Protein backbone atom coordinates (compact mmCIF):
# COMPACT_ATOMS: atom_id res chain seq x y z
CA UNK A 1 -1.39 14.84 5.53
CA UNK A 2 -1.03 13.79 1.94
CA UNK A 3 -3.52 10.91 2.34
CA UNK A 4 -6.19 12.63 4.43
CA UNK A 5 -9.46 11.13 3.16
CA UNK A 6 -8.15 9.23 0.53
CA UNK A 7 -8.57 5.54 -0.26
CA UNK A 8 -4.56 4.65 0.02
CA UNK A 9 -2.66 1.06 -0.80
CA UNK A 10 0.42 1.04 0.68
CA UNK A 11 2.50 -1.76 -1.45
CA UNK A 12 5.04 -3.82 0.70
CA UNK A 13 4.11 -2.54 3.82
CA UNK A 14 6.17 -5.06 6.04
CA UNK A 15 4.98 -5.41 9.43
CA UNK A 16 2.20 -2.77 8.88
CA UNK A 17 3.25 0.36 11.12
CA UNK A 18 3.21 2.64 8.07
CA UNK A 19 -0.18 1.41 7.29
CA UNK A 20 -1.55 2.36 10.35
CA UNK A 21 0.07 5.87 10.38
CA UNK A 22 -1.75 6.28 6.84
CA UNK A 23 -5.08 5.01 8.26
CA UNK A 24 -4.64 7.67 10.92
CA UNK A 25 -5.59 10.07 8.33
CA UNK A 26 -6.82 8.03 4.86
CA UNK A 27 -10.36 7.24 4.37
CA UNK A 28 -9.25 3.57 4.22
CA UNK A 29 -5.59 1.97 3.91
CA UNK A 30 -4.78 -1.56 2.45
CA UNK A 31 -1.53 -2.91 3.79
CA UNK A 32 -0.09 -5.44 1.24
CA UNK A 33 2.56 -7.80 1.61
CA UNK A 34 3.57 -10.93 0.21
CA UNK A 35 5.18 -12.35 3.54
CA UNK A 36 3.36 -14.49 5.40
CA UNK A 37 4.97 -13.66 9.01
CA UNK A 38 4.85 -9.65 8.20
CA UNK A 39 0.95 -10.18 7.15
CA UNK A 40 0.27 -12.15 10.21
CA UNK A 41 1.61 -9.70 12.66
CA UNK A 42 0.17 -6.56 10.71
CA UNK A 43 -3.39 -8.30 10.90
CA UNK A 44 -2.88 -8.76 14.67
CA UNK A 45 -1.55 -5.63 15.78
CA UNK A 46 -2.83 -3.04 13.84
CA UNK A 47 -6.72 -3.69 14.15
CA UNK A 48 -8.83 -0.72 12.96
CA UNK A 49 -12.33 -0.25 10.93
CA UNK A 50 -10.74 1.60 8.20
CA UNK A 51 -7.07 -0.58 7.63
CA UNK A 52 -7.05 -4.09 6.21
CA UNK A 53 -3.83 -5.99 5.20
CA UNK A 54 -3.87 -8.46 2.48
CA UNK A 55 -1.16 -10.98 1.61
CA UNK A 56 -0.38 -10.72 -2.20
CA UNK A 57 2.25 -9.24 -4.36
CA UNK A 58 2.76 -5.93 -5.42
CA UNK A 59 2.96 -7.33 -8.76
CA UNK A 60 -0.52 -8.70 -8.80
CA UNK A 61 -2.16 -6.98 -6.03
CA UNK A 62 -4.84 -4.42 -7.72
CA UNK A 63 -8.01 -2.28 -6.11
CA UNK A 64 -8.87 1.28 -7.23
CA UNK A 65 -7.59 3.59 -4.97
CA UNK A 66 -6.74 7.42 -4.61
CA UNK A 67 -3.08 6.80 -3.32
CA UNK A 68 -0.25 4.40 -4.01
CA UNK A 69 2.43 4.27 -1.17
CA UNK A 70 5.48 2.46 -1.97
CA UNK A 71 8.45 3.25 0.03
CA UNK A 72 12.09 1.84 -0.07
CA UNK A 73 11.28 -1.15 -2.05
CA UNK A 74 11.27 -0.21 -5.89
CA UNK A 75 14.81 -0.71 -5.82
CA UNK A 76 14.31 -4.59 -4.89
CA UNK A 77 11.98 -5.06 -8.27
CA UNK A 78 13.08 -6.52 -11.16
CA UNK A 79 10.80 -4.25 -13.63
CA UNK A 80 10.46 -1.01 -12.08
CA UNK A 81 8.66 0.66 -15.10
CA UNK A 82 5.96 -2.02 -15.15
CA UNK A 83 5.33 -1.89 -11.43
CA UNK A 84 4.55 2.04 -11.85
CA UNK A 85 2.24 1.20 -15.00
CA UNK A 86 0.69 -1.28 -12.77
CA UNK A 87 0.29 1.38 -9.98
CA UNK A 88 -1.29 3.70 -12.37
CA UNK A 89 -3.42 1.26 -13.57
CA UNK A 90 -5.00 1.38 -9.98
CA UNK A 91 -5.01 4.91 -9.77
CA UNK A 92 -8.44 7.14 -9.85
CA UNK A 93 -8.36 10.13 -11.99
CA UNK A 94 -5.84 12.54 -10.31
CA UNK A 95 -4.71 9.84 -8.13
CA UNK A 96 -0.92 9.69 -7.25
CA UNK A 97 1.77 7.43 -6.33
CA UNK A 98 4.17 8.26 -3.63
CA UNK A 99 7.65 6.21 -4.42
CA UNK A 100 10.84 6.46 -2.48
CA UNK A 101 14.43 5.10 -2.79
């Protein structure tokens, strides 16, 4: 519900199910994951007009958005502060990052 009508980037999306759930309410959703197998699975399984998947690193993917979702992954990055600053740079004014660990 928090992402309803927003343009959302789902960082480290894994196999893509969460990105699909976000796309159910979001204006658009982009699932980002560096793993080639996860990217292929997500791209083939979750096909809808407002959802796409990009194979990239969370540190380098940069696309303007209203919300960034980063669930259960921040504990695995080397510089959490830098990642959060990167996300902040992507967000539109008033945007929000949802991070869990």
